[in-house]
Amino acid sequence: MTGYKYSRQRECIKACLQARHDHPTAEDIYRDVREQLPSISLGTIYRNLAQLTENGEIRKITVGDGVDHYDGRTDQHYHFVCRSCHKVLDLKMSFDMAIDESAAEELGALVEGHMTFFYGLCGNCNSKEELA
């Protein structure tokens, strides 16, 4: 880790997040981490998530549901957001770097990356809607 000293709490938060693939909220992480560190506070969770995000060790993503989600994957990848259950899922499709190049050419700028979200109904919610 760069720029700060070791913290058992931070490592536990990071490990929890990297073990999950459902893009949890701070409150979700808090519930999980409390199983290992019962005395940890929600404020400590938020502070450490901010620090991990600032250092590029995790990503904070906002998908339009009014709450921040966190992603243990820092590589470039796409997300799908279910408009019904609000799950945020990783897509395994290949990441298109040509989009960055195209935007850079159009803008005459240095484009360092992009983030794309796909929205709709996940398989589970779509099945429920078809049955209704």
N, C-alpha and C. Protein backbone atom coordinates (compact mmCIF):
# COMPACT_ATOMS: atom_id res chain seq x y z
N MET A 1 0.84 -1.18 0.00
CA MET A 1 0.00 0.00 0.00
C MET A 1 0.87 1.24 0.00
N THR A 2 0.42 2.21 -0.69
CA THR A 2 1.21 3.43 -0.81
C THR A 2 0.62 4.56 0.00
N GLY A 3 1.47 5.30 0.68
CA GLY A 3 1.04 6.53 1.31
C GLY A 3 0.44 6.40 2.69
N TYR A 4 0.25 5.20 3.20
CA TYR A 4 -0.29 5.07 4.54
C TYR A 4 0.19 3.76 5.15
N LYS A 5 0.16 3.73 6.48
CA LYS A 5 0.65 2.54 7.16
C LYS A 5 -0.39 1.43 7.17
N TYR A 6 0.08 0.26 7.48
CA TYR A 6 -0.76 -0.93 7.52
C TYR A 6 -1.90 -0.75 8.52
N SER A 7 -3.07 -1.23 8.14
CA SER A 7 -4.24 -1.21 9.02
C SER A 7 -4.97 -2.54 8.84
N ARG A 8 -5.14 -3.25 9.94
CA ARG A 8 -5.87 -4.53 9.89
C ARG A 8 -7.28 -4.30 9.39
N GLN A 9 -7.90 -3.20 9.82
CA GLN A 9 -9.27 -2.91 9.40
C GLN A 9 -9.33 -2.69 7.89
N ARG A 10 -8.40 -1.90 7.36
CA ARG A 10 -8.38 -1.62 5.92
C ARG A 10 -8.16 -2.90 5.12
N GLU A 11 -7.24 -3.74 5.59
CA GLU A 11 -6.98 -5.00 4.89
C GLU A 11 -8.21 -5.91 4.90
N CYS A 12 -8.92 -5.92 6.01
CA CYS A 12 -10.13 -6.73 6.12
C CYS A 12 -11.22 -6.20 5.17
N ILE A 13 -11.36 -4.90 5.10
CA ILE A 13 -12.34 -4.28 4.20
C ILE A 13 -11.99 -4.61 2.74
N LYS A 14 -10.72 -4.46 2.40
CA LYS A 14 -10.27 -4.74 1.03
C LYS A 14 -10.47 -6.22 0.68
N ALA A 15 -10.11 -7.11 1.60
CA ALA A 15 -10.28 -8.55 1.35
C ALA A 15 -11.75 -8.90 1.17
N CYS A 16 -12.60 -8.31 2.00
CA CYS A 16 -14.04 -8.54 1.88
C CYS A 16 -14.54 -8.11 0.51
N LEU A 17 -14.13 -6.95 0.09
CA LEU A 17 -14.59 -6.41 -1.19
C LEU A 17 -14.06 -7.23 -2.36
N GLN A 18 -12.81 -7.65 -2.29
CA GLN A 18 -12.24 -8.42 -3.39
C GLN A 18 -12.81 -9.83 -3.48
N ALA A 19 -13.38 -10.31 -2.38
CA ALA A 19 -13.99 -11.64 -2.39
C ALA A 19 -15.41 -11.61 -2.95
N ARG A 20 -15.98 -10.42 -3.05
CA ARG A 20 -17.35 -10.26 -3.54
C ARG A 20 -17.34 -9.79 -5.00
N HIS A 21 -18.39 -10.16 -5.70
CA HIS A 21 -18.50 -9.74 -7.10
C HIS A 21 -19.85 -9.09 -7.37
N ASP A 22 -20.49 -8.63 -6.28
CA ASP A 22 -21.82 -8.06 -6.42
C ASP A 22 -21.84 -6.55 -6.21
N HIS A 23 -20.68 -5.92 -6.13
CA HIS A 23 -20.58 -4.47 -6.02
C HIS A 23 -21.38 -3.93 -4.84
N PRO A 24 -20.96 -4.32 -3.64
CA PRO A 24 -21.72 -3.95 -2.44
C PRO A 24 -21.64 -2.47 -2.11
N THR A 25 -22.58 -2.03 -1.28
CA THR A 25 -22.56 -0.68 -0.73
C THR A 25 -21.69 -0.69 0.53
N ALA A 26 -21.41 0.48 1.07
CA ALA A 26 -20.63 0.57 2.32
C ALA A 26 -21.35 -0.17 3.44
N GLU A 27 -22.66 -0.08 3.47
CA GLU A 27 -23.44 -0.76 4.51
C GLU A 27 -23.34 -2.28 4.38
N ASP A 28 -23.34 -2.78 3.15
CA ASP A 28 -23.16 -4.22 2.92
C ASP A 28 -21.79 -4.67 3.43
N ILE A 29 -20.77 -3.89 3.11
CA ILE A 29 -19.41 -4.22 3.54
C ILE A 29 -19.33 -4.17 5.06
N TYR A 30 -19.95 -3.17 5.67
CA TYR A 30 -19.99 -3.03 7.12
C TYR A 30 -20.55 -4.29 7.78
N ARG A 31 -21.68 -4.79 7.26
CA ARG A 31 -22.29 -6.00 7.82
C ARG A 31 -21.33 -7.20 7.73
N ASP A 32 -20.64 -7.34 6.60
CA ASP A 32 -19.71 -8.46 6.43
C ASP A 32 -18.48 -8.33 7.32
N VAL A 33 -17.89 -7.16 7.36
CA VAL A 33 -16.65 -6.96 8.11
C VAL A 33 -16.90 -7.09 9.61
N ARG A 34 -18.08 -6.71 10.06
CA ARG A 34 -18.40 -6.82 11.50
C ARG A 34 -18.35 -8.25 12.00
N GLU A 35 -18.50 -9.22 11.10
CA GLU A 35 -18.38 -10.63 11.51
C GLU A 35 -16.96 -10.94 11.97
N GLN A 36 -15.97 -10.29 11.36
CA GLN A 36 -14.57 -10.50 11.75
C GLN A 36 -14.10 -9.45 12.75
N LEU A 37 -14.59 -8.24 12.62
CA LEU A 37 -14.18 -7.13 13.49
C LEU A 37 -15.43 -6.51 14.11
N PRO A 38 -15.98 -7.12 15.16
CA PRO A 38 -17.26 -6.67 15.72
C PRO A 38 -17.28 -5.22 16.20
N SER A 39 -16.14 -4.66 16.55
CA SER A 39 -16.13 -3.30 17.09
C SER A 39 -15.93 -2.22 16.03
N ILE A 40 -15.82 -2.61 14.76
CA ILE A 40 -15.59 -1.62 13.70
C ILE A 40 -16.84 -0.76 13.52
N SER A 41 -16.62 0.51 13.23
CA SER A 41 -17.76 1.43 13.04
C SER A 41 -18.02 1.66 11.55
N LEU A 42 -19.22 2.10 11.24
CA LEU A 42 -19.56 2.42 9.86
C LEU A 42 -18.69 3.58 9.37
N GLY A 43 -18.38 4.53 10.24
CA GLY A 43 -17.50 5.64 9.88
C GLY A 43 -16.12 5.15 9.46
N THR A 44 -15.60 4.14 10.15
CA THR A 44 -14.30 3.55 9.79
C THR A 44 -14.38 2.90 8.42
N ILE A 45 -15.49 2.25 8.14
CA ILE A 45 -15.69 1.64 6.82
C ILE A 45 -15.63 2.71 5.74
N TYR A 46 -16.39 3.79 5.93
CA TYR A 46 -16.42 4.88 4.94
C TYR A 46 -15.04 5.51 4.75
N ARG A 47 -14.33 5.78 5.84
CA ARG A 47 -13.00 6.40 5.74
C ARG A 47 -12.04 5.50 4.97
N ASN A 48 -12.06 4.22 5.27
CA ASN A 48 -11.15 3.30 4.60
C ASN A 48 -11.53 3.07 3.15
N LEU A 49 -12.82 3.03 2.85
CA LEU A 49 -13.25 2.92 1.45
C LEU A 49 -12.78 4.14 0.65
N ALA A 50 -12.88 5.32 1.25
CA ALA A 50 -12.42 6.54 0.58
C ALA A 50 -10.92 6.48 0.33
N GLN A 51 -10.16 6.00 1.30
CA GLN A 51 -8.71 5.93 1.15
C GLN A 51 -8.32 4.87 0.11
N LEU A 52 -8.97 3.73 0.14
CA LEU A 52 -8.69 2.69 -0.84
C LEU A 52 -9.04 3.16 -2.26
N THR A 53 -10.13 3.91 -2.38
CA THR A 53 -10.53 4.45 -3.68
C THR A 53 -9.52 5.48 -4.16
N GLU A 54 -9.13 6.37 -3.27
CA GLU A 54 -8.16 7.42 -3.62
C GLU A 54 -6.83 6.82 -4.08
N ASN A 55 -6.43 5.72 -3.48
CA ASN A 55 -5.17 5.08 -3.84
C ASN A 55 -5.29 4.13 -5.02
N GLY A 56 -6.49 4.01 -5.59
CA GLY A 56 -6.68 3.16 -6.76
C GLY A 56 -6.70 1.68 -6.48
N GLU A 57 -6.90 1.30 -5.22
CA GLU A 57 -6.92 -0.12 -4.87
C GLU A 57 -8.29 -0.74 -5.06
N ILE A 58 -9.32 0.09 -5.07
CA ILE A 58 -10.69 -0.33 -5.36
C ILE A 58 -11.33 0.78 -6.19
N ARG A 59 -12.52 0.53 -6.67
CA ARG A 59 -13.27 1.56 -7.41
C ARG A 59 -14.60 1.84 -6.73
N LYS A 60 -14.96 3.10 -6.72
CA LYS A 60 -16.30 3.49 -6.28
C LYS A 60 -17.10 3.75 -7.55
N ILE A 61 -18.27 3.14 -7.64
CA ILE A 61 -19.09 3.33 -8.83
C ILE A 61 -20.47 3.82 -8.42
N THR A 62 -20.98 4.74 -9.20
CA THR A 62 -22.31 5.30 -9.00
C THR A 62 -23.14 4.91 -10.21
N VAL A 63 -24.25 4.24 -9.95
CA VAL A 63 -25.04 3.70 -11.05
C VAL A 63 -26.42 4.31 -11.17
N GLY A 64 -26.69 5.35 -10.39
CA GLY A 64 -27.96 6.04 -10.50
C GLY A 64 -29.04 5.59 -9.55
N ASP A 65 -28.67 4.75 -8.58
CA ASP A 65 -29.69 4.30 -7.62
C ASP A 65 -29.60 5.05 -6.28
N GLY A 66 -28.81 6.11 -6.25
CA GLY A 66 -28.73 6.95 -5.07
C GLY A 66 -27.73 6.51 -4.02
N VAL A 67 -26.99 5.45 -4.28
CA VAL A 67 -26.01 4.96 -3.31
C VAL A 67 -24.74 4.54 -4.06
N ASP A 68 -23.59 4.73 -3.42
CA ASP A 68 -22.33 4.31 -4.03
C ASP A 68 -22.14 2.81 -3.83
N HIS A 69 -21.60 2.19 -4.86
CA HIS A 69 -21.23 0.78 -4.81
C HIS A 69 -19.71 0.71 -4.93
N TYR A 70 -19.14 -0.40 -4.48
CA TYR A 70 -17.68 -0.55 -4.52
C TYR A 70 -17.31 -1.80 -5.26
N ASP A 71 -16.21 -1.71 -5.98
CA ASP A 71 -15.75 -2.78 -6.86
C ASP A 71 -14.30 -3.10 -6.52
N GLY A 72 -14.03 -4.36 -6.20
CA GLY A 72 -12.67 -4.79 -5.91
C GLY A 72 -11.83 -4.96 -7.16
N ARG A 73 -12.46 -5.00 -8.31
CA ARG A 73 -11.73 -5.10 -9.58
C ARG A 73 -11.35 -3.70 -10.05
N THR A 74 -10.09 -3.50 -10.32
CA THR A 74 -9.65 -2.19 -10.79
C THR A 74 -9.28 -2.21 -12.27
N ASP A 75 -9.38 -3.37 -12.91
CA ASP A 75 -9.11 -3.43 -14.34
C ASP A 75 -10.30 -2.83 -15.09
N GLN A 76 -10.09 -2.52 -16.35
CA GLN A 76 -11.16 -1.95 -17.17
C GLN A 76 -12.16 -3.05 -17.51
N HIS A 77 -13.42 -2.81 -17.17
CA HIS A 77 -14.48 -3.76 -17.50
C HIS A 77 -15.82 -3.03 -17.47
N TYR A 78 -16.82 -3.67 -18.06
CA TYR A 78 -18.15 -3.09 -18.15
C TYR A 78 -19.06 -3.66 -17.07
N HIS A 79 -20.14 -2.91 -16.80
CA HIS A 79 -21.12 -3.30 -15.79
C HIS A 79 -22.52 -3.30 -16.37
N PHE A 80 -23.35 -4.17 -15.80
CA PHE A 80 -24.78 -4.20 -16.11
C PHE A 80 -25.51 -3.88 -14.81
N VAL A 81 -26.50 -2.99 -14.87
CA VAL A 81 -27.28 -2.59 -13.70
C VAL A 81 -28.73 -2.97 -13.93
N CYS A 82 -29.27 -3.77 -13.02
CA CYS A 82 -30.68 -4.17 -13.13
C CYS A 82 -31.55 -3.04 -12.60
N ARG A 83 -32.49 -2.60 -13.39
CA ARG A 83 -33.36 -1.49 -12.99
C ARG A 83 -34.41 -1.92 -11.97
N SER A 84 -34.56 -3.22 -11.75
CA SER A 84 -35.55 -3.71 -10.79
C SER A 84 -34.92 -4.01 -9.42
N CYS A 85 -33.94 -4.90 -9.38
CA CYS A 85 -33.34 -5.30 -8.10
C CYS A 85 -32.08 -4.50 -7.77
N HIS A 86 -31.60 -3.69 -8.71
CA HIS A 86 -30.43 -2.81 -8.55
C HIS A 86 -29.11 -3.55 -8.41
N LYS A 87 -29.07 -4.83 -8.78
CA LYS A 87 -27.79 -5.54 -8.78
C LYS A 87 -26.88 -4.92 -9.82
N VAL A 88 -25.60 -4.91 -9.51
CA VAL A 88 -24.58 -4.44 -10.45
C VAL A 88 -23.71 -5.64 -10.76
N LEU A 89 -23.67 -6.02 -12.02
CA LEU A 89 -22.96 -7.23 -12.44
C LEU A 89 -21.82 -6.88 -13.39
N ASP A 90 -20.72 -7.59 -13.26
CA ASP A 90 -19.61 -7.44 -14.21
C ASP A 90 -19.96 -8.16 -15.50
N LEU A 91 -19.59 -7.56 -16.61
CA LEU A 91 -19.74 -8.20 -17.91
C LEU A 91 -18.38 -8.75 -18.33
N LYS A 92 -18.39 -9.93 -18.91
CA LYS A 92 -17.14 -10.57 -19.32
C LYS A 92 -16.74 -10.20 -20.74
N MET A 93 -17.52 -9.35 -21.39
CA MET A 93 -17.19 -8.96 -22.76
C MET A 93 -15.88 -8.17 -22.79
N SER A 94 -15.19 -8.22 -23.89
CA SER A 94 -13.90 -7.54 -23.97
C SER A 94 -14.07 -6.02 -23.94
N PHE A 95 -13.12 -5.38 -23.32
CA PHE A 95 -13.13 -3.92 -23.16
C PHE A 95 -12.62 -3.28 -24.44
N ASP A 96 -13.33 -2.31 -24.97
CA ASP A 96 -13.00 -1.70 -26.26
C ASP A 96 -12.16 -0.44 -26.08
N MET A 97 -10.85 -0.59 -26.21
CA MET A 97 -9.93 0.54 -26.08
C MET A 97 -10.07 1.52 -27.26
N ALA A 98 -10.65 1.07 -28.36
CA ALA A 98 -10.82 1.95 -29.53
C ALA A 98 -11.73 3.13 -29.18
N ILE A 99 -12.62 2.96 -28.22
CA ILE A 99 -13.49 4.06 -27.79
C ILE A 99 -12.64 5.20 -27.22
N ASP A 100 -11.65 4.85 -26.41
CA ASP A 100 -10.75 5.87 -25.85
C ASP A 100 -10.01 6.61 -26.96
N GLU A 101 -9.51 5.84 -27.92
CA GLU A 101 -8.76 6.44 -29.02
C GLU A 101 -9.65 7.36 -29.85
N SER A 102 -10.87 6.92 -30.11
CA SER A 102 -11.82 7.73 -30.89
C SER A 102 -12.15 9.03 -30.16
N ALA A 103 -12.42 8.93 -28.86
CA ALA A 103 -12.74 10.13 -28.07
C ALA A 103 -11.53 11.07 -28.03
N ALA A 104 -10.35 10.52 -27.86
CA ALA A 104 -9.13 11.34 -27.81
C ALA A 104 -8.94 12.09 -29.12
N GLU A 105 -9.17 11.39 -30.22
CA GLU A 105 -9.02 12.02 -31.54
C GLU A 105 -10.03 13.15 -31.72
N GLU A 106 -11.28 12.90 -31.35
CA GLU A 106 -12.32 13.91 -31.50
C GLU A 106 -12.06 15.13 -30.63
N LEU A 107 -11.59 14.90 -29.42
CA LEU A 107 -11.39 15.99 -28.46
C LEU A 107 -10.02 16.65 -28.57
N GLY A 108 -9.08 15.97 -29.18
CA GLY A 108 -7.71 16.46 -29.17
C GLY A 108 -7.17 16.44 -27.74
N ALA A 109 -7.54 15.41 -27.00
CA ALA A 109 -7.21 15.33 -25.58
C ALA A 109 -6.60 13.98 -25.26
N LEU A 110 -6.07 13.87 -24.09
CA LEU A 110 -5.58 12.59 -23.58
C LEU A 110 -6.74 11.93 -22.82
N VAL A 111 -7.24 10.84 -23.35
CA VAL A 111 -8.31 10.10 -22.70
C VAL A 111 -7.67 8.93 -21.96
N GLU A 112 -7.89 8.88 -20.67
CA GLU A 112 -7.25 7.87 -19.83
C GLU A 112 -8.14 6.66 -19.56
N GLY A 113 -9.36 6.70 -20.00
CA GLY A 113 -10.25 5.57 -19.81
C GLY A 113 -11.70 5.99 -19.92
N HIS A 114 -12.57 5.01 -19.88
CA HIS A 114 -14.00 5.29 -19.90
C HIS A 114 -14.71 4.25 -19.05
N MET A 115 -15.93 4.59 -18.64
CA MET A 115 -16.74 3.68 -17.86
C MET A 115 -18.11 3.61 -18.52
N THR A 116 -18.54 2.40 -18.81
CA THR A 116 -19.82 2.20 -19.48
C THR A 116 -20.69 1.28 -18.64
N PHE A 117 -21.96 1.65 -18.51
CA PHE A 117 -22.93 0.83 -17.80
C PHE A 117 -24.04 0.46 -18.76
N PHE A 118 -24.46 -0.78 -18.71
CA PHE A 118 -25.62 -1.25 -19.45
C PHE A 118 -26.75 -1.41 -18.44
N TYR A 119 -27.95 -0.98 -18.80
CA TYR A 119 -29.11 -1.01 -17.90
C TYR A 119 -30.21 -1.86 -18.49
N GLY A 120 -30.96 -2.53 -17.64
CA GLY A 120 -32.09 -3.34 -18.07
C GLY A 120 -32.55 -4.22 -16.93
N LEU A 121 -33.06 -5.39 -17.27
CA LEU A 121 -33.49 -6.35 -16.26
C LEU A 121 -32.54 -7.54 -16.28
N CYS A 122 -32.05 -7.93 -15.09
CA CYS A 122 -31.20 -9.11 -15.00
C CYS A 122 -32.04 -10.34 -15.33
N GLY A 123 -31.40 -11.47 -15.53
CA GLY A 123 -32.12 -12.69 -15.89
C GLY A 123 -33.20 -13.06 -14.90
N ASN A 124 -32.93 -12.92 -13.61
CA ASN A 124 -33.90 -13.27 -12.59
C ASN A 124 -35.12 -12.34 -12.64
N CYS A 125 -34.88 -11.04 -12.69
CA CYS A 125 -36.00 -10.07 -12.74
C CYS A 125 -36.77 -10.18 -14.05
N ASN A 126 -36.07 -10.46 -15.15
CA ASN A 126 -36.73 -10.60 -16.43
C ASN A 126 -37.66 -11.80 -16.42
N SER A 127 -37.22 -12.90 -15.79
CA SER A 127 -38.08 -14.09 -15.68
C SER A 127 -39.32 -13.78 -14.87
N LYS A 128 -39.18 -13.04 -13.77
CA LYS A 128 -40.33 -12.68 -12.94
C LYS A 128 -41.32 -11.83 -13.71
N GLU A 129 -40.78 -10.88 -14.51
CA GLU A 129 -41.65 -9.99 -15.27
C GLU A 129 -42.40 -10.74 -16.36
N GLU A 130 -41.73 -11.73 -16.98
CA GLU A 130 -42.39 -12.52 -18.02
C GLU A 130 -43.51 -13.36 -17.44
N LEU A 131 -43.38 -13.80 -16.18
CA LEU A 131 -44.41 -14.61 -15.53
C LEU A 131 -45.61 -13.78 -15.10
N ALA A 132 -45.39 -12.48 -14.90
CA ALA A 132 -46.48 -11.62 -14.41
C ALA A 132 -47.51 -11.33 -15.48
